[in-house]
Amino acid sequence: MSAAENKKVTLILPIRDEGPTIRAALDAVLAQNYPAGQMEILIADGMSTDGTREIVREYQRKHANIKLLDNPGRIVPTGMNTALRQAAGDIIIRVDGHCVIAPDYVENCLRHLANDTVDGVGGPMKTIGLTPLAETIALAMSARFGVGNSAFRTTQGQTKYVDTIPFPAYKREVIQKAGLYDEELVRNQDDEYNYRIRELGGKLLLAGDVRSVYYSRGSMRGLWKQYYQYGFYKVRVLQKHPQQMSARQFIPLIFILSIVGSLALALFRNVGWVLLASILGAYLFAAILSSFRISIKKGWGNFLILPIAFITMHISYGLGFAVGLIAFWKRWGDKRGAVPSFTIE
């Protein structure tokens, strides 16, 4: 057994109503080319009602290293904190119930943590869909026009230092320093946690050989809700870590404000209508051009839906951010948020 294989690994899955994908997620975790006896799998379930818990119990009967935990808080950070309080691993890896990690995910994470002088490691994820509509949404979520320079969504095979990583693996001592997750953040809890690690002087690695597949939302309504919450809770991340924010994260808000400003101006001057038409025309041209380029490679069945997906993502994120600025306007001095005062042993 190598030195890396002497490490005890805890894989945490904070889940809720993951019936369509939980089997694939668990099969991937169990198929790791890492000693099963060195892995514990903690599943923090947010009181699922779609049969997910029954599926997990079915796996429990076959695999002694799986433990099902109740997460009455029902959201990711409360689930992560519930599991972290019980985690025994030297290395702790967060995995989703709607993602599939590669067979060498654990092995490669441990190798990078051991050899690359980093505090956390993740990898680029390939976003896919289970239906034709979900597949088109996945393409939008993987496009630069859709998500800007979000490296883990838009690149494959690259290894570099980054601001944040998906499905991260951390050394136990890093989590002991950073503490638990902010239980206020329904979304963006990973970004906030990674920013916290970086503010402590930590380094995060996006490793090209740490691979995963992520299942996208299957409807425009689900996509709207997801990105509205991203924008809404990004305000709290901004308030807690202003220096960690990138310019791309403000663009949807600026887009919304430019539309509202143009409409307000149009009530008094005709130039407002010209400005509004120019803004919307430029945006639609860019959205259609990006959709055209994607469809050439991925199929013309995506062409008509992609602009709708882009509009849904950008408008919902921008509106969420604007509403968040109002909802959290008294919170600019609150750097702690709802992080429980607890350190894992």
Foldseek 3Di string as FASTA:
>chain_A
DDPLLVWQEEEEEEAEQLVVQQVQAVVLVVLAPHDLVSYAYEYEYCPHDNCPVVVQVVVCVVRVRYDYHYQVLSADQSRQVVVLQVDDTQKYWYDYSQKHWHNHQSVVQSVCVVPVQAFKEAAAEQEAAPDPQQRLLSVLQQDCLQQNPPPSRPDAQDKDWDQFHPRMMGGQVLCLVLAGWFSVQSPPRRNLSSNSSVVVVGIYMHHRVGYMYGYGDRDLVVLLVVLLSVLLCVVVSCLQRVVSDDPSLCVLLVLVVQLVVLVVVVVPDVVSVVSNCVSVVVSLVVQQVSLVVVCVPVNPVSRVVRSVSSCSNSNSNNVSNVVNCVVCVVCSVPNPHRGDPDGHD
